């Protein structure tokens, strides 16, 4: 935020073009289009035979490519295939990422299978921990039962 008496650039006055200037520019543009269109029409009629050859050359050589001809062995031109040429039944090669992803999934499935069978170190540790917890819970349940029995015995003695 500007401080003090300084103002930002957003409050500046706007400059508008006057309609006369816009009309003059539009007329000049139309005249150029009409002159350019007439020249193109006359040249296209005389060069109909060579148009197919020049189209293929102009598509290949546009921009800097037309000025410099370089053989780049790494550049692969995109060739479109016809539907009849495409072989759907052919096995497709997987990319490195796809192969790694499939391998990762398979290894995870193998690990889970071994884990469920209790053959992995982590599964053994989990089973041991579960056994300890079960033992503690059984002991706690026995203590609670004994305490209940004692309370019941005391209450029955107190009522008599």
N, C-alpha and C. Protein backbone atom coordinates (compact mmCIF):
# COMPACT_ATOMS: atom_id res chain seq x y z
N UNK A 1 0.83 -1.17 0.00
CA UNK A 1 0.00 0.00 0.00
C UNK A 1 0.88 1.24 0.00
N UNK A 2 0.59 2.17 -0.86
CA UNK A 2 1.39 3.41 -0.87
C UNK A 2 1.08 4.23 0.37
N UNK A 3 2.10 4.86 0.86
CA UNK A 3 1.95 5.67 2.07
C UNK A 3 2.16 7.13 1.74
N UNK A 4 1.72 7.95 2.59
CA UNK A 4 1.91 9.39 2.42
C UNK A 4 1.06 9.91 1.28
N UNK A 5 1.60 10.85 0.54
CA UNK A 5 0.84 11.49 -0.53
C UNK A 5 1.02 10.81 -1.87
N UNK A 6 1.78 9.73 -1.90
CA UNK A 6 2.02 9.05 -3.18
C UNK A 6 0.80 8.27 -3.59
N UNK A 7 0.55 8.26 -4.89
CA UNK A 7 -0.55 7.48 -5.42
C UNK A 7 -0.01 6.44 -6.38
N UNK A 8 -0.70 5.36 -6.50
CA UNK A 8 -0.28 4.30 -7.40
C UNK A 8 -0.59 4.63 -8.85
N UNK A 9 -0.29 3.71 -9.71
CA UNK A 9 -0.49 3.91 -11.15
C UNK A 9 -1.94 3.69 -11.57
N UNK A 10 -2.76 3.15 -10.68
CA UNK A 10 -4.12 2.79 -11.08
C UNK A 10 -5.05 3.99 -11.21
N UNK A 11 -4.70 5.09 -10.63
CA UNK A 11 -5.59 6.23 -10.66
C UNK A 11 -5.34 7.19 -11.81
N UNK A 12 -4.49 6.81 -12.72
CA UNK A 12 -4.15 7.71 -13.83
C UNK A 12 -5.33 7.90 -14.75
N UNK A 13 -5.29 8.98 -15.47
CA UNK A 13 -6.37 9.26 -16.42
C UNK A 13 -6.29 8.33 -17.62
N UNK A 14 -7.44 8.00 -18.16
CA UNK A 14 -7.50 7.10 -19.30
C UNK A 14 -7.49 7.89 -20.59
N UNK A 15 -6.85 7.33 -21.60
CA UNK A 15 -6.84 7.98 -22.92
C UNK A 15 -7.71 7.18 -23.86
N UNK A 16 -8.64 7.86 -24.49
CA UNK A 16 -9.55 7.20 -25.42
C UNK A 16 -9.22 7.65 -26.83
N UNK A 17 -9.34 6.74 -27.79
CA UNK A 17 -9.15 7.10 -29.19
C UNK A 17 -10.43 7.75 -29.68
N UNK A 18 -10.26 8.77 -30.51
CA UNK A 18 -11.47 9.40 -31.03
C UNK A 18 -12.03 8.57 -32.19
N UNK A 19 -13.33 8.64 -32.43
CA UNK A 19 -13.96 7.81 -33.45
C UNK A 19 -13.40 8.03 -34.85
N UNK A 20 -12.95 9.23 -35.15
CA UNK A 20 -12.39 9.52 -36.48
C UNK A 20 -11.13 8.69 -36.72
N UNK A 21 -10.29 8.60 -35.69
CA UNK A 21 -9.04 7.82 -35.81
C UNK A 21 -9.35 6.34 -36.02
N UNK A 22 -10.34 5.85 -35.30
CA UNK A 22 -10.72 4.43 -35.44
C UNK A 22 -11.25 4.16 -36.84
N UNK A 23 -12.10 5.05 -37.37
CA UNK A 23 -12.63 4.89 -38.73
C UNK A 23 -11.50 4.89 -39.75
N UNK A 24 -10.54 5.77 -39.60
CA UNK A 24 -9.42 5.85 -40.54
C UNK A 24 -8.61 4.56 -40.53
N UNK A 25 -8.37 4.00 -39.34
CA UNK A 25 -7.62 2.75 -39.25
C UNK A 25 -8.38 1.59 -39.87
N UNK A 26 -9.70 1.54 -39.65
CA UNK A 26 -10.52 0.47 -40.21
C UNK A 26 -10.52 0.52 -41.74
N UNK A 27 -10.61 1.74 -42.31
CA UNK A 27 -10.60 1.89 -43.77
C UNK A 27 -9.26 1.44 -44.35
N UNK A 28 -8.19 1.80 -43.69
CA UNK A 28 -6.86 1.41 -44.18
C UNK A 28 -6.71 -0.11 -44.13
N UNK A 29 -7.23 -0.73 -43.11
CA UNK A 29 -7.14 -2.19 -42.99
C UNK A 29 -7.98 -2.87 -44.08
N UNK A 30 -9.16 -2.37 -44.35
CA UNK A 30 -10.01 -2.95 -45.40
C UNK A 30 -9.33 -2.85 -46.77
N UNK A 31 -8.73 -1.69 -47.05
CA UNK A 31 -8.05 -1.50 -48.34
C UNK A 31 -6.90 -2.48 -48.49
N UNK A 32 -6.16 -2.70 -47.43
CA UNK A 32 -5.05 -3.66 -47.50
C UNK A 32 -5.58 -5.07 -47.75
N UNK A 33 -6.67 -5.43 -47.09
CA UNK A 33 -7.24 -6.75 -47.29
C UNK A 33 -7.74 -6.93 -48.73
N UNK A 34 -8.39 -5.91 -49.26
CA UNK A 34 -8.90 -5.99 -50.64
C UNK A 34 -7.76 -6.10 -51.64
N UNK A 35 -6.71 -5.32 -51.47
CA UNK A 35 -5.57 -5.38 -52.39
C UNK A 35 -4.86 -6.73 -52.27
N UNK A 36 -4.67 -7.20 -51.05
CA UNK A 36 -4.01 -8.48 -50.82
C UNK A 36 -4.84 -9.63 -51.34
N UNK A 37 -6.15 -9.59 -51.19
CA UNK A 37 -7.05 -10.64 -51.67
C UNK A 37 -7.06 -10.71 -53.18
N UNK A 38 -7.01 -9.55 -53.87
CA UNK A 38 -7.01 -9.52 -55.33
C UNK A 38 -5.72 -10.13 -55.86
N UNK A 39 -4.61 -9.81 -55.24
CA UNK A 39 -3.33 -10.36 -55.70
C UNK A 39 -3.30 -11.87 -55.48
N UNK A 40 -3.83 -12.34 -54.37
CA UNK A 40 -3.84 -13.78 -54.09
C UNK A 40 -4.72 -14.52 -55.09
N UNK A 41 -5.86 -13.95 -55.44
CA UNK A 41 -6.77 -14.60 -56.38
C UNK A 41 -6.13 -14.74 -57.75
N UNK A 42 -5.46 -13.71 -58.25
CA UNK A 42 -4.84 -13.79 -59.57
C UNK A 42 -3.68 -14.77 -59.58
N UNK A 43 -2.92 -14.81 -58.51
CA UNK A 43 -1.78 -15.73 -58.48
C UNK A 43 -2.24 -17.18 -58.31
N UNK A 44 -3.34 -17.40 -57.60
CA UNK A 44 -3.80 -18.77 -57.38
C UNK A 44 -4.36 -19.36 -58.66
N UNK A 45 -4.94 -18.57 -59.52
CA UNK A 45 -5.48 -19.08 -60.78
C UNK A 45 -4.36 -19.54 -61.70
N UNK A 46 -3.25 -18.82 -61.73
CA UNK A 46 -2.17 -19.18 -62.64
C UNK A 46 -1.32 -20.33 -62.10
N UNK A 47 -1.30 -20.52 -60.81
CA UNK A 47 -0.43 -21.53 -60.20
C UNK A 47 -1.19 -22.70 -59.62
N UNK A 48 -2.29 -23.10 -60.22
CA UNK A 48 -3.08 -24.21 -59.67
C UNK A 48 -2.30 -25.52 -59.71
N UNK A 49 -1.49 -25.71 -60.75
CA UNK A 49 -0.76 -26.97 -60.91
C UNK A 49 0.32 -27.13 -59.85
N UNK A 50 1.03 -26.07 -59.53
CA UNK A 50 2.13 -26.17 -58.58
C UNK A 50 1.68 -25.95 -57.14
N UNK A 51 0.40 -25.73 -56.89
CA UNK A 51 -0.07 -25.44 -55.53
C UNK A 51 0.08 -26.66 -54.61
N UNK A 52 -0.17 -27.85 -55.13
CA UNK A 52 -0.05 -29.03 -54.29
C UNK A 52 1.39 -29.28 -53.87
N UNK A 53 2.33 -29.01 -54.78
CA UNK A 53 3.74 -29.18 -54.44
C UNK A 53 4.19 -28.13 -53.44
N UNK A 54 3.80 -26.89 -53.63
CA UNK A 54 4.24 -25.83 -52.74
C UNK A 54 3.59 -25.96 -51.36
N UNK A 55 2.36 -26.51 -51.28
CA UNK A 55 1.70 -26.69 -49.98
C UNK A 55 2.49 -27.65 -49.11
N UNK A 56 2.94 -28.77 -49.70
CA UNK A 56 3.69 -29.74 -48.90
C UNK A 56 5.02 -29.17 -48.45
N UNK A 57 5.66 -28.36 -49.30
CA UNK A 57 6.93 -27.75 -48.92
C UNK A 57 6.72 -26.67 -47.86
N UNK A 58 5.64 -25.89 -47.98
CA UNK A 58 5.41 -24.83 -47.02
C UNK A 58 5.04 -25.39 -45.64
N UNK A 59 4.38 -26.54 -45.60
CA UNK A 59 4.04 -27.15 -44.33
C UNK A 59 5.29 -27.66 -43.64
N UNK A 60 6.21 -28.21 -44.40
CA UNK A 60 7.43 -28.75 -43.81
C UNK A 60 8.35 -27.63 -43.35
N UNK A 61 8.43 -26.56 -44.12
CA UNK A 61 9.39 -25.51 -43.84
C UNK A 61 8.66 -24.24 -43.43
N UNK A 62 8.41 -24.09 -42.15
CA UNK A 62 7.82 -22.86 -41.67
C UNK A 62 8.71 -22.31 -40.57
N UNK A 63 8.80 -21.01 -40.48
CA UNK A 63 9.63 -20.38 -39.46
C UNK A 63 11.10 -20.58 -39.75
N UNK A 64 11.87 -20.90 -38.74
CA UNK A 64 13.32 -21.05 -38.86
C UNK A 64 13.67 -22.32 -39.62
N UNK A 65 12.78 -23.32 -39.57
CA UNK A 65 13.06 -24.57 -40.27
C UNK A 65 13.25 -24.36 -41.76
N UNK A 66 12.53 -23.36 -42.32
CA UNK A 66 12.67 -23.08 -43.74
C UNK A 66 14.02 -22.48 -44.08
N UNK A 67 14.62 -21.78 -43.13
CA UNK A 67 15.91 -21.13 -43.37
C UNK A 67 17.07 -22.09 -43.15
N UNK A 68 16.95 -22.95 -42.18
CA UNK A 68 18.05 -23.84 -41.83
C UNK A 68 17.57 -25.28 -42.01
N UNK A 69 18.30 -26.04 -42.77
CA UNK A 69 17.96 -27.45 -42.95
C UNK A 69 18.93 -28.28 -42.11
N UNK A 70 18.42 -28.98 -41.15
CA UNK A 70 19.24 -29.75 -40.23
C UNK A 70 18.71 -31.18 -40.18
N UNK A 71 19.62 -32.12 -40.20
CA UNK A 71 19.24 -33.52 -40.02
C UNK A 71 19.40 -33.84 -38.54
N UNK A 72 18.32 -33.99 -37.85
CA UNK A 72 18.36 -34.30 -36.43
C UNK A 72 17.95 -35.76 -36.25
N UNK A 73 18.88 -36.61 -35.88
CA UNK A 73 18.53 -38.04 -35.73
C UNK A 73 17.59 -38.30 -34.55
N UNK A 74 17.56 -37.39 -33.58
CA UNK A 74 16.70 -37.58 -32.41
C UNK A 74 15.26 -37.14 -32.65
N UNK A 75 15.04 -36.37 -33.70
CA UNK A 75 13.71 -35.86 -33.97
C UNK A 75 12.89 -36.93 -34.66
N UNK A 76 11.78 -37.28 -34.05
CA UNK A 76 10.91 -38.30 -34.61
C UNK A 76 9.68 -37.60 -35.18
N UNK A 77 9.44 -37.80 -36.45
CA UNK A 77 8.27 -37.18 -37.05
C UNK A 77 7.04 -38.01 -36.71
N UNK A 78 5.95 -37.33 -36.38
CA UNK A 78 4.73 -38.01 -36.02
C UNK A 78 4.03 -38.49 -37.29
N UNK A 79 3.95 -39.78 -37.46
CA UNK A 79 3.28 -40.33 -38.63
C UNK A 79 1.94 -40.90 -38.18
N UNK A 80 0.90 -40.45 -38.83
CA UNK A 80 -0.42 -40.96 -38.45
C UNK A 80 -0.66 -42.28 -39.15
N UNK A 81 -1.24 -43.21 -38.41
CA UNK A 81 -1.52 -44.53 -38.96
C UNK A 81 -2.99 -44.63 -39.30
N UNK A 82 -3.28 -45.43 -40.30
CA UNK A 82 -4.67 -45.68 -40.65
C UNK A 82 -5.23 -46.71 -39.69
N UNK A 83 -6.54 -46.72 -39.59
CA UNK A 83 -7.20 -47.65 -38.68
C UNK A 83 -6.93 -49.09 -39.10
N UNK A 84 -6.82 -49.33 -40.38
CA UNK A 84 -6.58 -50.70 -40.86
C UNK A 84 -5.17 -51.17 -40.53
N UNK A 85 -4.23 -50.22 -40.37
CA UNK A 85 -2.84 -50.59 -40.09
C UNK A 85 -2.60 -50.87 -38.61
N UNK A 86 -3.44 -50.35 -37.75
CA UNK A 86 -3.23 -50.51 -36.32
C UNK A 86 -3.56 -51.94 -35.91
N UNK A 87 -2.62 -52.56 -35.18
CA UNK A 87 -2.80 -53.94 -34.73
C UNK A 87 -3.15 -53.90 -33.24
N UNK A 88 -4.40 -54.13 -32.93
CA UNK A 88 -4.87 -54.05 -31.54
C UNK A 88 -4.40 -55.24 -30.73
N UNK A 89 -4.26 -56.40 -31.36
CA UNK A 89 -3.90 -57.60 -30.62
C UNK A 89 -2.42 -57.67 -30.26
N UNK A 90 -1.59 -56.81 -30.85
CA UNK A 90 -0.16 -56.84 -30.57
C UNK A 90 0.09 -56.39 -29.13
N UNK A 91 1.03 -57.04 -28.43
CA UNK A 91 1.31 -56.65 -27.05
C UNK A 91 1.99 -55.29 -27.01
N UNK A 92 1.54 -54.46 -26.09
CA UNK A 92 2.07 -53.11 -25.99
C UNK A 92 3.17 -53.10 -24.93
N UNK A 93 4.29 -52.44 -25.24
CA UNK A 93 5.38 -52.36 -24.28
C UNK A 93 5.02 -51.36 -23.20
N UNK A 94 5.28 -51.72 -21.96
CA UNK A 94 4.97 -50.84 -20.84
C UNK A 94 6.10 -49.86 -20.62
N UNK A 95 5.76 -48.70 -20.14
CA UNK A 95 6.79 -47.72 -19.82
C UNK A 95 7.44 -48.12 -18.49
N UNK A 96 8.53 -47.47 -18.16
CA UNK A 96 9.25 -47.78 -16.94
C UNK A 96 8.36 -47.53 -15.73
N UNK A 97 7.63 -46.43 -15.73
CA UNK A 97 6.76 -46.11 -14.60
C UNK A 97 5.66 -47.15 -14.45
N UNK A 98 5.08 -47.56 -15.56
CA UNK A 98 4.02 -48.56 -15.50
C UNK A 98 4.55 -49.88 -14.96
N UNK A 99 5.74 -50.29 -15.44
CA UNK A 99 6.34 -51.53 -14.95
C UNK A 99 6.61 -51.45 -13.45
N UNK A 100 7.17 -50.32 -13.00
CA UNK A 100 7.46 -50.16 -11.58
C UNK A 100 6.19 -50.18 -10.75
N UNK A 101 5.12 -49.57 -11.26
CA UNK A 101 3.85 -49.55 -10.54
C UNK A 101 3.28 -50.96 -10.39
N UNK A 102 3.33 -51.74 -11.47
CA UNK A 102 2.83 -53.12 -11.43
C UNK A 102 3.67 -53.96 -10.46
N UNK A 103 4.98 -53.78 -10.53
CA UNK A 103 5.87 -54.52 -9.64
C UNK A 103 5.61 -54.16 -8.18
N UNK A 104 5.36 -52.89 -7.93
CA UNK A 104 5.07 -52.43 -6.57
C UNK A 104 3.77 -53.05 -6.05
N UNK A 105 2.75 -53.11 -6.90
CA UNK A 105 1.48 -53.71 -6.49
C UNK A 105 1.64 -55.20 -6.20
N UNK A 106 2.40 -55.89 -7.05
CA UNK A 106 2.60 -57.33 -6.83
C UNK A 106 3.35 -57.59 -5.53
N UNK A 107 4.39 -56.78 -5.27
CA UNK A 107 5.15 -56.99 -4.04
C UNK A 107 4.27 -56.70 -2.81
N UNK A 108 3.40 -55.70 -2.91
CA UNK A 108 2.50 -55.39 -1.80
C UNK A 108 1.53 -56.55 -1.56
N UNK A 109 1.02 -57.14 -2.64
CA UNK A 109 0.11 -58.28 -2.51
C UNK A 109 0.81 -59.48 -1.88
N UNK A 110 2.07 -59.74 -2.31
CA UNK A 110 2.84 -60.85 -1.73
C UNK A 110 3.04 -60.63 -0.23
N UNK A 111 3.39 -59.41 0.13
CA UNK A 111 3.64 -59.09 1.53
C UNK A 111 2.37 -59.28 2.36
N UNK A 112 1.23 -58.79 1.83
CA UNK A 112 -0.03 -58.93 2.56
C UNK A 112 -0.39 -60.41 2.75
N UNK A 113 -0.13 -61.22 1.72
CA UNK A 113 -0.42 -62.66 1.82
C UNK A 113 0.42 -63.29 2.92
N UNK A 114 1.71 -62.99 2.93
CA UNK A 114 2.60 -63.52 3.96
C UNK A 114 2.21 -62.98 5.34
N UNK A 115 1.79 -61.72 5.38
CA UNK A 115 1.41 -61.09 6.64
C UNK A 115 0.18 -61.78 7.23
N UNK A 116 -0.78 -62.09 6.36
CA UNK A 116 -1.99 -62.77 6.85
C UNK A 116 -1.68 -64.19 7.33
N UNK A 117 -0.68 -64.83 6.72
CA UNK A 117 -0.29 -66.17 7.15
C UNK A 117 0.54 -66.13 8.42
N UNK A 118 1.03 -64.93 8.77
CA UNK A 118 1.81 -64.79 9.99
C UNK A 118 3.28 -65.12 9.80
N UNK A 119 3.79 -65.01 8.59
CA UNK A 119 5.17 -65.38 8.31
C UNK A 119 6.13 -64.20 8.33
N UNK A 120 5.62 -62.98 8.36
CA UNK A 120 6.52 -61.82 8.36
C UNK A 120 6.87 -61.43 9.78
N UNK A 121 7.95 -60.69 9.94
CA UNK A 121 8.39 -60.26 11.27
C UNK A 121 7.34 -59.37 11.93
N UNK A 122 6.75 -58.50 11.14
CA UNK A 122 5.76 -57.60 11.69
C UNK A 122 4.53 -58.37 12.16
N UNK A 123 4.13 -59.38 11.39
CA UNK A 123 2.97 -60.19 11.77
C UNK A 123 3.25 -60.95 13.07
N UNK A 124 4.47 -61.49 13.20
CA UNK A 124 4.83 -62.21 14.42
C UNK A 124 4.78 -61.26 15.63
N UNK A 125 5.32 -60.06 15.44
CA UNK A 125 5.30 -59.08 16.53
C UNK A 125 3.87 -58.71 16.89
N UNK A 126 3.01 -58.53 15.88
CA UNK A 126 1.60 -58.20 16.14
C UNK A 126 0.90 -59.32 16.90
N UNK A 127 1.16 -60.57 16.50
CA UNK A 127 0.53 -61.71 17.16
C UNK A 127 1.00 -61.82 18.62
N UNK A 128 2.29 -61.57 18.86
CA UNK A 128 2.81 -61.62 20.21
C UNK A 128 2.16 -60.52 21.06
N UNK A 129 2.03 -59.32 20.48
CA UNK A 129 1.41 -58.22 21.19
C UNK A 129 -0.06 -58.55 21.51
N UNK A 130 -0.75 -59.15 20.55
CA UNK A 130 -2.15 -59.54 20.78
C UNK A 130 -2.27 -60.57 21.90
N UNK A 131 -1.34 -61.53 21.92
CA UNK A 131 -1.37 -62.56 22.97
C UNK A 131 -1.18 -61.93 24.34
N UNK A 132 -0.27 -60.99 24.44
CA UNK A 132 -0.03 -60.30 25.73
C UNK A 132 -1.27 -59.54 26.15
N UNK A 133 -1.90 -58.84 25.21
CA UNK A 133 -3.10 -58.05 25.53
C UNK A 133 -4.24 -58.96 25.98
N UNK A 134 -4.41 -60.09 25.28
CA UNK A 134 -5.46 -61.04 25.67
C UNK A 134 -5.23 -61.55 27.09
N UNK A 135 -3.98 -61.88 27.39
CA UNK A 135 -3.63 -62.37 28.73
C UNK A 135 -3.96 -61.31 29.79
N UNK A 136 -3.60 -60.06 29.51
CA UNK A 136 -3.87 -58.98 30.46
C UNK A 136 -5.37 -58.80 30.66
N UNK A 137 -6.13 -58.87 29.58
CA UNK A 137 -7.58 -58.70 29.69
C UNK A 137 -8.23 -59.85 30.49
N UNK A 138 -7.72 -61.07 30.26
CA UNK A 138 -8.25 -62.21 31.02
C UNK A 138 -7.97 -62.04 32.51
N UNK A 139 -6.74 -61.61 32.82
CA UNK A 139 -6.38 -61.39 34.22
C UNK A 139 -7.27 -60.31 34.84
N UNK A 140 -7.50 -59.23 34.09
CA UNK A 140 -8.33 -58.14 34.60
C UNK A 140 -9.76 -58.62 34.80
N UNK A 141 -10.27 -59.44 33.89
CA UNK A 141 -11.63 -59.97 34.02
C UNK A 141 -11.74 -60.86 35.25
N UNK A 142 -10.74 -61.70 35.53
CA UNK A 142 -10.74 -62.57 36.71
C UNK A 142 -10.75 -61.74 37.99
N UNK A 143 -9.95 -60.66 38.00
CA UNK A 143 -9.90 -59.80 39.19
C UNK A 143 -11.25 -59.14 39.44
N UNK A 144 -11.88 -58.68 38.34
CA UNK A 144 -13.20 -58.05 38.49
C UNK A 144 -14.22 -59.05 39.03
N UNK A 145 -14.16 -60.29 38.54
CA UNK A 145 -15.09 -61.32 39.04
C UNK A 145 -14.87 -61.59 40.53
N UNK A 146 -13.61 -61.68 40.93
CA UNK A 146 -13.29 -61.93 42.34
C UNK A 146 -13.79 -60.78 43.21
N UNK A 147 -13.58 -59.54 42.74
CA UNK A 147 -14.04 -58.39 43.51
C UNK A 147 -15.57 -58.38 43.64
N UNK A 148 -16.25 -58.74 42.56
CA UNK A 148 -17.72 -58.79 42.60
C UNK A 148 -18.19 -59.84 43.60
N UNK A 149 -17.53 -61.00 43.56
CA UNK A 149 -17.91 -62.08 44.48
C UNK A 149 -17.70 -61.65 45.93
N UNK A 150 -16.58 -60.96 46.19
CA UNK A 150 -16.30 -60.48 47.54
C UNK A 150 -17.35 -59.48 47.99
N UNK A 151 -17.73 -58.55 47.08
CA UNK A 151 -18.74 -57.56 47.43
C UNK A 151 -20.09 -58.22 47.70
N UNK A 152 -20.42 -59.19 46.85
CA UNK A 152 -21.69 -59.91 47.04
C UNK A 152 -21.69 -60.64 48.39
N UNK A 153 -20.54 -61.23 48.74
CA UNK A 153 -20.44 -61.97 50.01
C UNK A 153 -20.58 -61.00 51.18
N UNK A 154 -19.96 -59.83 51.09
CA UNK A 154 -20.03 -58.84 52.15
C UNK A 154 -21.46 -58.29 52.29
N UNK A 155 -22.09 -58.07 51.15
CA UNK A 155 -23.46 -57.54 51.19
C UNK A 155 -24.42 -58.57 51.79
N UNK A 156 -24.19 -59.83 51.44
CA UNK A 156 -25.09 -60.87 51.98
C UNK A 156 -24.88 -61.02 53.49
N UNK A 157 -23.65 -60.83 53.96
CA UNK A 157 -23.38 -60.90 55.39
C UNK A 157 -23.99 -59.69 56.11
N UNK A 158 -23.91 -58.53 55.45
CA UNK A 158 -24.41 -57.30 56.06
C UNK A 158 -25.92 -57.29 56.15
N UNK A 159 -26.62 -57.93 55.27
CA UNK A 159 -28.09 -57.97 55.28
C UNK A 159 -28.61 -58.90 56.35
N UNK A 160 -27.85 -59.87 56.77
CA UNK A 160 -28.33 -60.84 57.74
C UNK A 160 -28.37 -60.29 59.08
